[in-house]
Amino acid sequence: TFRRIAMQAITLFVPVTISGTTYETINIRRPKVRDRLAVERIKKTDAEKEIAMIANLAEVTVDVIEELDLADYNKVQEILQGFLAPAPVTSE
């Protein structure tokens, strides 16, 4: 369901407040090859690379993603995986 959507809004179960800004929703856009290349250049763990990529796609700081409730983070991961899944083959 996420494959053809350019951006997906995620309503957080638990809002996050960073530096006086409260995030109740996060908008995440579809990743491009350049996004993947950017995080591959980072000398961090795979989890930290994923967080950096999500922060970039959502145009928020890494701090915002790190403060997400785990249920919200799982939802973000699900959306990211949906973006990355190949589109099903249909016969027309």
PDB file of N, CA and C in Angstrom:
ATOM      1  N   THR A   1       0.813  -1.208   0.000  1.00  0.00           N
ATOM      2  CA  THR A   1       0.000   0.000   0.000  1.00  0.00           C
ATOM      3  C   THR A   1       0.853   1.268   0.000  1.00  0.00           C
ATOM      4  N   PHE A   2       2.111   1.189   0.405  1.00  0.00           N
ATOM      5  CA  PHE A   2       2.961   2.372   0.467  1.00  0.00           C
ATOM      6  C   PHE A   2       3.794   2.543  -0.801  1.00  0.00           C
ATOM      7  N   ARG A   3       3.776   1.567  -1.677  1.00  0.00           N
ATOM      8  CA  ARG A   3       4.724   1.528  -2.787  1.00  0.00           C
ATOM      9  C   ARG A   3       4.674   2.747  -3.694  1.00  0.00           C
ATOM     10  N   ARG A   4       3.489   3.246  -4.005  1.00  0.00           N
ATOM     11  CA  ARG A   4       3.394   4.337  -4.971  1.00  0.00           C
ATOM     12  C   ARG A   4       3.198   5.696  -4.326  1.00  0.00           C
ATOM     13  N   ILE A   5       3.128   5.732  -3.037  1.00  0.00           N
ATOM     14  CA  ILE A   5       2.929   6.987  -2.318  1.00  0.00           C
ATOM     15  C   ILE A   5       4.278   7.687  -2.184  1.00  0.00           C
ATOM     16  N   ALA A   6       4.327   8.982  -2.502  1.00  0.00           N
ATOM     17  CA  ALA A   6       5.581   9.738  -2.429  1.00  0.00           C
ATOM     18  C   ALA A   6       5.949  10.077  -0.995  1.00  0.00           C
ATOM     19  N   MET A   7       4.935  10.289  -0.142  1.00  0.00           N
ATOM     20  CA  MET A   7       5.174  10.642   1.254  1.00  0.00           C
ATOM     21  C   MET A   7       4.061  10.030   2.098  1.00  0.00           C
ATOM     22  N   GLN A   8       4.425   9.583   3.282  1.00  0.00           N
ATOM     23  CA  GLN A   8       3.456   8.971   4.179  1.00  0.00           C
ATOM     24  C   GLN A   8       3.479   9.703   5.513  1.00  0.00           C
ATOM     25  N   ALA A   9       2.318  10.131   5.993  1.00  0.00           N
ATOM     26  CA  ALA A   9       2.204  10.759   7.310  1.00  0.00           C
ATOM     27  C   ALA A   9       1.985   9.678   8.357  1.00  0.00           C
ATOM     28  N   ILE A  10       2.691   9.800   9.458  1.00  0.00           N
ATOM     29  CA  ILE A  10       2.585   8.845  10.557  1.00  0.00           C
ATOM     30  C   ILE A  10       2.134   9.609  11.790  1.00  0.00           C
ATOM     31  N   THR A  11       0.976   9.261  12.316  1.00  0.00           N
ATOM     32  CA  THR A  11       0.505   9.853  13.562  1.00  0.00           C
ATOM     33  C   THR A  11       1.118   9.054  14.702  1.00  0.00           C
ATOM     34  N   LEU A  12       1.825   9.730  15.575  1.00  0.00           N
ATOM     35  CA  LEU A  12       2.529   9.053  16.666  1.00  0.00           C
ATOM     36  C   LEU A  12       1.572   8.670  17.788  1.00  0.00           C
ATOM     37  N   PHE A  13       1.759   7.477  18.338  1.00  0.00           N
ATOM     38  CA  PHE A  13       1.005   7.054  19.525  1.00  0.00           C
ATOM     39  C   PHE A  13       1.409   7.918  20.710  1.00  0.00           C
ATOM     40  N   VAL A  14       2.714   8.194  20.774  1.00  0.00           N
ATOM     41  CA  VAL A  14       3.271   8.983  21.871  1.00  0.00           C
ATOM     42  C   VAL A  14       4.036  10.161  21.267  1.00  0.00           C
ATOM     43  N   PRO A  15       3.465  11.375  21.339  1.00  0.00           N
ATOM     44  CA  PRO A  15       4.176  12.540  20.778  1.00  0.00           C
ATOM     45  C   PRO A  15       5.543  12.726  21.421  1.00  0.00           C
ATOM     46  N   VAL A  16       6.448  13.316  20.659  1.00  0.00           N
ATOM     47  CA  VAL A  16       7.825  13.547  21.098  1.00  0.00           C
ATOM     48  C   VAL A  16       8.068  15.052  21.148  1.00  0.00           C
ATOM     49  N   THR A  17       8.714  15.526  22.228  1.00  0.00           N
ATOM     50  CA  THR A  17       9.083  16.935  22.326  1.00  0.00           C
ATOM     51  C   THR A  17      10.602  17.042  22.394  1.00  0.00           C
ATOM     52  N   ILE A  18      11.152  17.783  21.432  1.00  0.00           N
ATOM     53  CA  ILE A  18      12.595  18.020  21.363  1.00  0.00           C
ATOM     54  C   ILE A  18      12.802  19.518  21.211  1.00  0.00           C
ATOM     55  N   SER A  19      13.615  20.083  22.091  1.00  0.00           N
ATOM     56  CA  SER A  19      13.955  21.516  22.035  1.00  0.00           C
ATOM     57  C   SER A  19      12.708  22.403  21.923  1.00  0.00           C
ATOM     58  N   GLY A  20      11.676  22.054  22.675  1.00  0.00           N
ATOM     59  CA  GLY A  20      10.463  22.862  22.705  1.00  0.00           C
ATOM     60  C   GLY A  20       9.487  22.626  21.569  1.00  0.00           C
ATOM     61  N   THR A  21       9.840  21.763  20.611  1.00  0.00           N
ATOM     62  CA  THR A  21       8.939  21.435  19.507  1.00  0.00           C
ATOM     63  C   THR A  21       8.337  20.060  19.750  1.00  0.00           C
ATOM     64  N   THR A  22       7.003  19.996  19.700  1.00  0.00           N
ATOM     65  CA  THR A  22       6.316  18.721  19.880  1.00  0.00           C
ATOM     66  C   THR A  22       5.935  18.151  18.522  1.00  0.00           C
ATOM     67  N   TYR A  23       6.276  16.902  18.331  1.00  0.00           N
ATOM     68  CA  TYR A  23       5.973  16.186  17.094  1.00  0.00           C
ATOM     69  C   TYR A  23       4.856  15.195  17.378  1.00  0.00           C
ATOM     70  N   GLU A  24       3.700  15.421  16.778  1.00  0.00           N
ATOM     71  CA  GLU A  24       2.572  14.499  16.905  1.00  0.00           C
ATOM     72  C   GLU A  24       2.443  13.627  15.667  1.00  0.00           C
ATOM     73  N   THR A  25       2.978  14.128  14.573  1.00  0.00           N
ATOM     74  CA  THR A  25       3.035  13.360  13.326  1.00  0.00           C
ATOM     75  C   THR A  25       4.419  13.538  12.707  1.00  0.00           C
ATOM     76  N   ILE A  26       4.797  12.571  11.923  1.00  0.00           N
ATOM     77  CA  ILE A  26       6.043  12.634  11.168  1.00  0.00           C
ATOM     78  C   ILE A  26       5.683  12.282   9.723  1.00  0.00           C
ATOM     79  N   ASN A  27       6.192  13.063   8.802  1.00  0.00           N
ATOM     80  CA  ASN A  27       6.008  12.777   7.375  1.00  0.00           C
ATOM     81  C   ASN A  27       7.295  12.184   6.845  1.00  0.00           C
ATOM     82  N   ILE A  28       7.194  11.012   6.267  1.00  0.00           N
ATOM     83  CA  ILE A  28       8.378  10.346   5.727  1.00  0.00           C
ATOM     84  C   ILE A  28       8.203  10.180   4.215  1.00  0.00           C
ATOM     85  N   ARG A  29       9.219  10.589   3.481  1.00  0.00           N
ATOM     86  CA  ARG A  29       9.158  10.488   2.019  1.00  0.00           C
ATOM     87  C   ARG A  29       9.845   9.209   1.551  1.00  0.00           C
ATOM     88  N   ARG A  30       9.544   8.843   0.316  1.00  0.00           N
ATOM     89  CA  ARG A  30      10.183   7.669  -0.281  1.00  0.00           C
ATOM     90  C   ARG A  30      11.693   7.890  -0.379  1.00  0.00           C
ATOM     91  N   PRO A  31      12.481   6.878  -0.062  1.00  0.00           N
ATOM     92  CA  PRO A  31      13.940   7.021  -0.179  1.00  0.00           C
ATOM     93  C   PRO A  31      14.394   6.912  -1.625  1.00  0.00           C
ATOM     94  N   LYS A  32      15.518   7.545  -1.888  1.00  0.00           N
ATOM     95  CA  LYS A  32      16.177   7.482  -3.195  1.00  0.00           C
ATOM     96  C   LYS A  32      17.550   6.837  -2.999  1.00  0.00           C
ATOM     97  N   VAL A  33      18.181   6.492  -4.076  1.00  0.00           N
ATOM     98  CA  VAL A  33      19.509   5.869  -4.006  1.00  0.00           C
ATOM     99  C   VAL A  33      20.477   6.777  -3.253  1.00  0.00           C
ATOM    100  N   ARG A  34      20.400   8.082  -3.502  1.00  0.00           N
ATOM    101  CA  ARG A  34      21.327   9.012  -2.825  1.00  0.00           C
ATOM    102  C   ARG A  34      21.153   8.980  -1.303  1.00  0.00           C
ATOM    103  N   ASP A  35      19.933   8.706  -0.824  1.00  0.00           N
ATOM    104  CA  ASP A  35      19.717   8.582   0.625  1.00  0.00           C
ATOM    105  C   ASP A  35      20.459   7.374   1.174  1.00  0.00           C
ATOM    106  N   ARG A  36      20.390   6.283   0.450  1.00  0.00           N
ATOM    107  CA  ARG A  36      21.098   5.064   0.862  1.00  0.00           C
ATOM    108  C   ARG A  36      22.600   5.295   0.852  1.00  0.00           C
ATOM    109  N   LEU A  37      23.109   5.934  -0.190  1.00  0.00           N
ATOM    110  CA  LEU A  37      24.547   6.204  -0.291  1.00  0.00           C
ATOM    111  C   LEU A  37      25.021   7.108   0.849  1.00  0.00           C
ATOM    112  N   ALA A  38      24.206   8.084   1.197  1.00  0.00           N
ATOM    113  CA  ALA A  38      24.581   9.014   2.277  1.00  0.00           C
ATOM    114  C   ALA A  38      24.757   8.276   3.597  1.00  0.00           C
ATOM    115  N   VAL A  39      23.853   7.366   3.919  1.00  0.00           N
ATOM    116  CA  VAL A  39      23.987   6.661   5.201  1.00  0.00           C
ATOM    117  C   VAL A  39      25.078   5.600   5.159  1.00  0.00           C
ATOM    118  N   GLU A  40      25.358   5.063   3.982  1.00  0.00           N
ATOM    119  CA  GLU A  40      26.431   4.069   3.882  1.00  0.00           C
ATOM    120  C   GLU A  40      27.798   4.690   4.158  1.00  0.00           C
ATOM    121  N   ARG A  41      27.920   5.985   3.961  1.00  0.00           N
ATOM    122  CA  ARG A  41      29.192   6.676   4.235  1.00  0.00           C
ATOM    123  C   ARG A  41      29.418   6.914   5.723  1.00  0.00           C
ATOM    124  N   ILE A  42      28.373   6.764   6.524  1.00  0.00           N
ATOM    125  CA  ILE A  42      28.465   6.995   7.969  1.00  0.00           C
ATOM    126  C   ILE A  42      29.132   5.785   8.627  1.00  0.00           C
ATOM    127  N   LYS A  43      30.096   6.036   9.465  1.00  0.00           N
ATOM    128  CA  LYS A  43      30.784   4.952  10.180  1.00  0.00           C
ATOM    129  C   LYS A  43      30.067   4.687  11.505  1.00  0.00           C
ATOM    130  N   LYS A  44      28.907   4.046  11.399  1.00  0.00           N
ATOM    131  CA  LYS A  44      28.090   3.749  12.574  1.00  0.00           C
ATOM    132  C   LYS A  44      27.538   2.337  12.439  1.00  0.00           C
ATOM    133  N   THR A  45      26.780   1.911  13.463  1.00  0.00           N
ATOM    134  CA  THR A  45      26.140   0.595  13.402  1.00  0.00           C
ATOM    135  C   THR A  45      24.988   0.636  12.403  1.00  0.00           C
ATOM    136  N   ASP A  46      24.489  -0.531  12.022  1.00  0.00           N
ATOM    137  CA  ASP A  46      23.358  -0.596  11.091  1.00  0.00           C
ATOM    138  C   ASP A  46      22.134   0.106  11.670  1.00  0.00           C
ATOM    139  N   ALA A  47      21.901  -0.041  12.965  1.00  0.00           N
ATOM    140  CA  ALA A  47      20.752   0.619  13.607  1.00  0.00           C
ATOM    141  C   ALA A  47      20.894   2.137  13.533  1.00  0.00           C
ATOM    142  N   GLU A  48      22.108   2.636  13.791  1.00  0.00           N
ATOM    143  CA  GLU A  48      22.337   4.085  13.727  1.00  0.00           C
ATOM    144  C   GLU A  48      22.191   4.609  12.292  1.00  0.00           C
ATOM    145  N   LYS A  49      22.605   3.794  11.318  1.00  0.00           N
ATOM    146  CA  LYS A  49      22.435   4.184   9.921  1.00  0.00           C
ATOM    147  C   LYS A  49      20.956   4.272   9.557  1.00  0.00           C
ATOM    148  N   GLU A  50      20.185   3.299  10.036  1.00  0.00           N
ATOM    149  CA  GLU A  50      18.746   3.301   9.764  1.00  0.00           C
ATOM    150  C   GLU A  50      18.079   4.536  10.386  1.00  0.00           C
ATOM    151  N   ILE A  51      18.455   4.853  11.608  1.00  0.00           N
ATOM    152  CA  ILE A  51      17.903   6.032  12.289  1.00  0.00           C
ATOM    153  C   ILE A  51      18.274   7.299  11.526  1.00  0.00           C
ATOM    154  N   ALA A  52      19.515   7.385  11.058  1.00  0.00           N
ATOM    155  CA  ALA A  52      19.953   8.554  10.290  1.00  0.00           C
ATOM    156  C   ALA A  52      19.166   8.669   8.991  1.00  0.00           C
ATOM    157  N   MET A  53      18.921   7.544   8.334  1.00  0.00           N
ATOM    158  CA  MET A  53      18.166   7.570   7.085  1.00  0.00           C
ATOM    159  C   MET A  53      16.728   8.010   7.339  1.00  0.00           C
ATOM    160  N   ILE A  54      16.106   7.474   8.365  1.00  0.00           N
ATOM    161  CA  ILE A  54      14.726   7.853   8.692  1.00  0.00           C
ATOM    162  C   ILE A  54      14.645   9.334   9.027  1.00  0.00           C
ATOM    163  N   ALA A  55      15.593   9.821   9.814  1.00  0.00           N
ATOM    164  CA  ALA A  55      15.603  11.250  10.168  1.00  0.00           C
ATOM    165  C   ALA A  55      15.711  12.102   8.907  1.00  0.00           C
ATOM    166  N   ASN A  56      16.574  11.696   7.979  1.00  0.00           N
ATOM    167  CA  ASN A  56      16.732  12.420   6.725  1.00  0.00           C
ATOM    168  C   ASN A  56      15.433  12.396   5.918  1.00  0.00           C
ATOM    169  N   LEU A  57      14.817  11.239   5.797  1.00  0.00           N
ATOM    170  CA  LEU A  57      13.583  11.106   5.017  1.00  0.00           C
ATOM    171  C   LEU A  57      12.427  11.884   5.640  1.00  0.00           C
ATOM    172  N   ALA A  58      12.455  12.004   6.971  1.00  0.00           N
ATOM    173  CA  ALA A  58      11.390  12.725   7.683  1.00  0.00           C
ATOM    174  C   ALA A  58      11.719  14.200   7.887  1.00  0.00           C
ATOM    175  N   GLU A  59      12.941  14.588   7.509  1.00  0.00           N
ATOM    176  CA  GLU A  59      13.414  15.969   7.680  1.00  0.00           C
ATOM    177  C   GLU A  59      13.300  16.442   9.136  1.00  0.00           C
ATOM    178  N   VAL A  60      13.766  15.567  10.025  1.00  0.00           N
ATOM    179  CA  VAL A  60      13.858  15.887  11.450  1.00  0.00           C
ATOM    180  C   VAL A  60      15.256  15.501  11.910  1.00  0.00           C
ATOM    181  N   THR A  61      15.609  15.908  13.114  1.00  0.00           N
ATOM    182  CA  THR A  61      16.919  15.540  13.647  1.00  0.00           C
ATOM    183  C   THR A  61      16.912  14.090  14.127  1.00  0.00           C
ATOM    184  N   VAL A  62      18.084  13.518  14.225  1.00  0.00           N
ATOM    185  CA  VAL A  62      18.235  12.161  14.742  1.00  0.00           C
ATOM    186  C   VAL A  62      17.635  12.074  16.150  1.00  0.00           C
ATOM    187  N   ASP A  63      17.747  13.145  16.939  1.00  0.00           N
ATOM    188  CA  ASP A  63      17.192  13.164  18.295  1.00  0.00           C
ATOM    189  C   ASP A  63      15.707  12.835  18.308  1.00  0.00           C
ATOM    190  N   VAL A  64      14.976  13.343  17.337  1.00  0.00           N
ATOM    191  CA  VAL A  64      13.527  13.089  17.271  1.00  0.00           C
ATOM    192  C   VAL A  64      13.275  11.595  17.081  1.00  0.00           C
ATOM    193  N   ILE A  65      13.982  10.987  16.164  1.00  0.00           N
ATOM    194  CA  ILE A  65      13.787   9.559  15.900  1.00  0.00           C
ATOM    195  C   ILE A  65      14.211   8.726  17.101  1.00  0.00           C
ATOM    196  N   GLU A  66      15.316   9.109  17.745  1.00  0.00           N
ATOM    197  CA  GLU A  66      15.788   8.357  18.916  1.00  0.00           C
ATOM    198  C   GLU A  66      14.815   8.435  20.086  1.00  0.00           C
ATOM    199  N   GLU A  67      14.011   9.480  20.158  1.00  0.00           N
ATOM    200  CA  GLU A  67      13.049   9.635  21.251  1.00  0.00           C
ATOM    201  C   GLU A  67      11.691   8.992  20.975  1.00  0.00           C
ATOM    202  N   LEU A  68      11.501   8.436  19.774  1.00  0.00           N
ATOM    203  CA  LEU A  68      10.223   7.804  19.469  1.00  0.00           C
ATOM    204  C   LEU A  68       9.951   6.632  20.391  1.00  0.00           C
ATOM    205  N   ASP A  69       8.701   6.484  20.752  1.00  0.00           N
ATOM    206  CA  ASP A  69       8.246   5.283  21.445  1.00  0.00           C
ATOM    207  C   ASP A  69       8.516   4.102  20.511  1.00  0.00           C
ATOM    208  N   LEU A  70       8.852   2.958  21.047  1.00  0.00           N
ATOM    209  CA  LEU A  70       9.203   1.818  20.203  1.00  0.00           C
ATOM    210  C   LEU A  70       8.046   1.407  19.293  1.00  0.00           C
ATOM    211  N   ALA A  71       6.815   1.539  19.749  1.00  0.00           N
ATOM    212  CA  ALA A  71       5.657   1.228  18.895  1.00  0.00           C
ATOM    213  C   ALA A  71       5.627   2.167  17.692  1.00  0.00           C
ATOM    214  N   ASP A  72       5.927   3.444  17.905  1.00  0.00           N
ATOM    215  CA  ASP A  72       5.972   4.401  16.804  1.00  0.00           C
ATOM    216  C   ASP A  72       7.138   4.095  15.869  1.00  0.00           C
ATOM    217  N   TYR A  73       8.275   3.739  16.428  1.00  0.00           N
ATOM    218  CA  TYR A  73       9.437   3.415  15.608  1.00  0.00           C
ATOM    219  C   TYR A  73       9.159   2.191  14.743  1.00  0.00           C
ATOM    220  N   ASN A  74       8.473   1.205  15.315  1.00  0.00           N
ATOM    221  CA  ASN A  74       8.108   0.019  14.542  1.00  0.00           C
ATOM    222  C   ASN A  74       7.193   0.386  13.371  1.00  0.00           C
ATOM    223  N   LYS A  75       6.285   1.327  13.598  1.00  0.00           N
ATOM    224  CA  LYS A  75       5.395   1.789  12.542  1.00  0.00           C
ATOM    225  C   LYS A  75       6.199   2.484  11.433  1.00  0.00           C
ATOM    226  N   VAL A  76       7.175   3.297  11.824  1.00  0.00           N
ATOM    227  CA  VAL A  76       8.041   3.971  10.854  1.00  0.00           C
ATOM    228  C   VAL A  76       8.819   2.934  10.041  1.00  0.00           C
ATOM    229  N   GLN A  77       9.357   1.924  10.707  1.00  0.00           N
ATOM    230  CA  GLN A  77      10.099   0.873  10.012  1.00  0.00           C
ATOM    231  C   GLN A  77       9.214   0.141   9.009  1.00  0.00           C
ATOM    232  N   GLU A  78       7.979  -0.121   9.407  1.00  0.00           N
ATOM    233  CA  GLU A  78       7.028  -0.807   8.521  1.00  0.00           C
ATOM    234  C   GLU A  78       6.783   0.018   7.254  1.00  0.00           C
ATOM    235  N   ILE A  79       6.623   1.311   7.419  1.00  0.00           N
ATOM    236  CA  ILE A  79       6.403   2.192   6.270  1.00  0.00           C
ATOM    237  C   ILE A  79       7.643   2.227   5.382  1.00  0.00           C
ATOM    238  N   LEU A  80       8.815   2.322   6.000  1.00  0.00           N
ATOM    239  CA  LEU A  80      10.056   2.322   5.225  1.00  0.00           C
ATOM    240  C   LEU A  80      10.184   1.028   4.427  1.00  0.00           C
ATOM    241  N   GLN A  81       9.907  -0.101   5.048  1.00  0.00           N
ATOM    242  CA  GLN A  81       9.981  -1.384   4.352  1.00  0.00           C
ATOM    243  C   GLN A  81       8.967  -1.452   3.212  1.00  0.00           C
ATOM    244  N   GLY A  82       7.789  -0.860   3.423  1.00  0.00           N
ATOM    245  CA  GLY A  82       6.782  -0.810   2.361  1.00  0.00           C
ATOM    246  C   GLY A  82       7.269  -0.025   1.168  1.00  0.00           C
ATOM    247  N   PHE A  83       7.998   1.056   1.436  1.00  0.00           N
ATOM    248  CA  PHE A  83       8.578   1.838   0.343  1.00  0.00           C
ATOM    249  C   PHE A  83       9.600   1.016  -0.441  1.00  0.00           C
ATOM    250  N   LEU A  84      10.325   0.155   0.253  1.00  0.00           N
ATOM    251  CA  LEU A  84      11.417  -0.592  -0.366  1.00  0.00           C
ATOM    252  C   LEU A  84      10.971  -1.880  -1.047  1.00  0.00           C
ATOM    253  N   ALA A  85       9.773  -2.353  -0.726  1.00  0.00           N
ATOM    254  CA  ALA A  85       9.282  -3.611  -1.303  1.00  0.00           C
ATOM    255  C   ALA A  85       8.980  -3.429  -2.784  1.00  0.00           C
ATOM    256  N   PRO A  86       9.293  -4.447  -3.573  1.00  0.00           N
ATOM    257  CA  PRO A  86       8.982  -4.344  -5.001  1.00  0.00           C
ATOM    258  C   PRO A  86       7.476  -4.332  -5.226  1.00  0.00           C
ATOM    259  N   ALA A  87       7.052  -3.622  -6.247  1.00  0.00           N
ATOM    260  CA  ALA A  87       5.630  -3.582  -6.582  1.00  0.00           C
ATOM    261  C   ALA A  87       5.202  -4.944  -7.110  1.00  0.00           C
ATOM    262  N   PRO A  88       4.004  -5.386  -6.736  1.00  0.00           N
ATOM    263  CA  PRO A  88       3.536  -6.688  -7.236  1.00  0.00           C
ATOM    264  C   PRO A  88       3.307  -6.628  -8.749  1.00  0.00           C
ATOM    265  N   VAL A  89       3.544  -7.734  -9.402  1.00  0.00           N
ATOM    266  CA  VAL A  89       3.342  -7.835 -10.837  1.00  0.00           C
ATOM    267  C   VAL A  89       1.856  -8.090 -11.085  1.00  0.00           C
ATOM    268  N   THR A  90       1.276  -7.261 -11.929  1.00  0.00           N
ATOM    269  CA  THR A  90      -0.135  -7.432 -12.253  1.00  0.00           C
ATOM    270  C   THR A  90      -0.277  -7.600 -13.758  1.00  0.00           C
ATOM    271  N   SER A  91      -1.251  -8.376 -14.150  1.00  0.00           N
ATOM    272  CA  SER A  91      -1.503  -8.533 -15.578  1.00  0.00           C
ATOM    273  C   SER A  91      -2.638  -7.600 -15.965  1.00  0.00           C
ATOM    274  N   GLU A  92      -2.458  -6.934 -17.075  1.00  0.00           N
ATOM    275  CA  GLU A  92      -3.479  -5.970 -17.518  1.00  0.00           C
ATOM    276  C   GLU A  92      -4.058  -6.392 -18.834  1.00  0.00           C
TER     277      GLU A  92
END
